[in-house]
Amino acid sequence: MDRLDNTVRDYAWGSATAIPELLDRPATGEPQAELWMGAHPGAPSVVDRGNGPAPLDRVIAADPAAELGAAAVA
């Protein structure tokens, strides 16, 4: 299991407090609308397996079967 570092997306319709409270982080004062988790190329999560951080989409692309399993790749 990997710990993911996820991207918070700022949109005008977001809350200035909800996501910071969820993540137990200080609020920035700006509206934060979405916490993106996954391999979307627009804001992939980042994983660090001890050899430096890497975007999750690149980790999966390097060895899809090992990361997702053969059935999911098929």
C-alpha atoms as a PDB file:
ATOM      1  CA  MET A   1       0.000   0.000   0.000  1.00  0.00           C
ATOM      2  CA  ASP A   2       1.271   3.433  -0.901  1.00  0.00           C
ATOM      3  CA  ARG A   3       0.620   6.773   0.743  1.00  0.00           C
ATOM      4  CA  LEU A   4      -0.595   9.254  -1.853  1.00  0.00           C
ATOM      5  CA  ASP A   5      -0.014  12.988  -1.887  1.00  0.00           C
ATOM      6  CA  ASN A   6      -3.115  14.407  -3.541  1.00  0.00           C
ATOM      7  CA  THR A   7      -3.842  17.671  -5.324  1.00  0.00           C
ATOM      8  CA  VAL A   8      -6.361  20.164  -3.996  1.00  0.00           C
ATOM      9  CA  ARG A   9      -8.108  22.019  -6.810  1.00  0.00           C
ATOM     10  CA  ASP A  10      -9.089  25.614  -6.210  1.00  0.00           C
ATOM     11  CA  TYR A  11     -12.358  26.742  -7.764  1.00  0.00           C
ATOM     12  CA  ALA A  12     -14.471  29.772  -6.879  1.00  0.00           C
ATOM     13  CA  TRP A  13     -17.370  27.586  -5.753  1.00  0.00           C
ATOM     14  CA  GLY A  14     -15.247  25.773  -3.148  1.00  0.00           C
ATOM     15  CA  SER A  15     -15.113  26.211   0.602  1.00  0.00           C
ATOM     16  CA  ALA A  16     -12.307  28.058   2.333  1.00  0.00           C
ATOM     17  CA  THR A  17     -12.456  25.651   5.304  1.00  0.00           C
ATOM     18  CA  ALA A  18     -13.918  22.223   4.451  1.00  0.00           C
ATOM     19  CA  ILE A  19     -10.918  20.617   2.741  1.00  0.00           C
ATOM     20  CA  PRO A  20      -8.317  22.136   5.084  1.00  0.00           C
ATOM     21  CA  GLU A  21     -10.354  20.808   8.035  1.00  0.00           C
ATOM     22  CA  LEU A  22     -10.617  17.367   6.399  1.00  0.00           C
ATOM     23  CA  LEU A  23      -6.859  17.261   5.839  1.00  0.00           C
ATOM     24  CA  ASP A  24      -6.017  18.854   9.205  1.00  0.00           C
ATOM     25  CA  ARG A  25      -4.073  21.625   7.453  1.00  0.00           C
ATOM     26  CA  PRO A  26      -4.201  25.384   7.845  1.00  0.00           C
ATOM     27  CA  ALA A  27      -6.684  27.157   5.602  1.00  0.00           C
ATOM     28  CA  THR A  28      -5.215  29.288   2.827  1.00  0.00           C
ATOM     29  CA  GLY A  29      -8.142  31.693   2.753  1.00  0.00           C
ATOM     30  CA  GLU A  30      -8.866  30.668  -0.840  1.00  0.00           C
ATOM     31  CA  PRO A  31     -11.796  28.464  -1.877  1.00  0.00           C
ATOM     32  CA  GLN A  32     -10.779  24.827  -2.225  1.00  0.00           C
ATOM     33  CA  ALA A  33     -13.256  22.719  -4.121  1.00  0.00           C
ATOM     34  CA  GLU A  34     -11.922  19.244  -4.877  1.00  0.00           C
ATOM     35  CA  LEU A  35      -9.366  16.789  -3.551  1.00  0.00           C
ATOM     36  CA  TRP A  36      -8.176  14.776  -6.531  1.00  0.00           C
ATOM     37  CA  MET A  37      -7.026  11.230  -5.807  1.00  0.00           C
ATOM     38  CA  GLY A  38      -5.871   8.979  -8.593  1.00  0.00           C
ATOM     39  CA  ALA A  39      -4.015   8.973 -11.879  1.00  0.00           C
ATOM     40  CA  HIS A  40      -5.809  11.685 -13.850  1.00  0.00           C
ATOM     41  CA  PRO A  41      -3.116  13.423 -15.924  1.00  0.00           C
ATOM     42  CA  GLY A  42      -4.518  16.846 -14.993  1.00  0.00           C
ATOM     43  CA  ALA A  43      -3.551  16.410 -11.339  1.00  0.00           C
ATOM     44  CA  PRO A  44      -2.240  12.938 -10.566  1.00  0.00           C
ATOM     45  CA  SER A  45      -1.557  11.861  -7.018  1.00  0.00           C
ATOM     46  CA  VAL A  46       2.121  11.536  -6.157  1.00  0.00           C
ATOM     47  CA  VAL A  47       3.640   8.395  -4.634  1.00  0.00           C
ATOM     48  CA  ASP A  48       7.095   7.993  -3.099  1.00  0.00           C
ATOM     49  CA  ARG A  49       8.402   4.459  -2.753  1.00  0.00           C
ATOM     50  CA  GLY A  50      11.771   5.543  -1.427  1.00  0.00           C
ATOM     51  CA  ASN A  51      13.339   6.553  -4.730  1.00  0.00           C
ATOM     52  CA  GLY A  52      11.802  10.000  -4.947  1.00  0.00           C
ATOM     53  CA  PRO A  53       8.271  11.184  -5.611  1.00  0.00           C
ATOM     54  CA  ALA A  54       6.605  10.211  -8.885  1.00  0.00           C
ATOM     55  CA  PRO A  55       3.193  11.026 -10.382  1.00  0.00           C
ATOM     56  CA  LEU A  56       0.836   8.071 -10.077  1.00  0.00           C
ATOM     57  CA  ASP A  57      -0.061   8.076 -13.778  1.00  0.00           C
ATOM     58  CA  ARG A  58       3.615   7.553 -14.650  1.00  0.00           C
ATOM     59  CA  VAL A  59       4.022   4.844 -12.018  1.00  0.00           C
ATOM     60  CA  ILE A  60       1.078   2.950 -13.522  1.00  0.00           C
ATOM     61  CA  ALA A  61       2.238   3.523 -17.109  1.00  0.00           C
ATOM     62  CA  ALA A  62       5.667   2.059 -16.303  1.00  0.00           C
ATOM     63  CA  ASP A  63       4.168  -1.342 -15.359  1.00  0.00           C
ATOM     64  CA  PRO A  64       0.366  -1.463 -15.611  1.00  0.00           C
ATOM     65  CA  ALA A  65       0.013  -5.170 -14.854  1.00  0.00           C
ATOM     66  CA  ALA A  66       2.094  -4.957 -11.686  1.00  0.00           C
ATOM     67  CA  GLU A  67       0.279  -1.847 -10.474  1.00  0.00           C
ATOM     68  CA  LEU A  68      -3.305  -2.688 -11.422  1.00  0.00           C
ATOM     69  CA  GLY A  69      -3.349  -6.429 -12.013  1.00  0.00           C
ATOM     70  CA  ALA A  70      -3.728  -8.286 -15.300  1.00  0.00           C
ATOM     71  CA  ALA A  71      -7.531  -8.339 -15.187  1.00  0.00           C
ATOM     72  CA  ALA A  72      -7.784  -4.578 -14.830  1.00  0.00           C
ATOM     73  CA  VAL A  73      -5.304  -4.027 -17.652  1.00  0.00           C
ATOM     74  CA  ALA A  74      -7.262  -6.372 -19.922  1.00  0.00           C
END
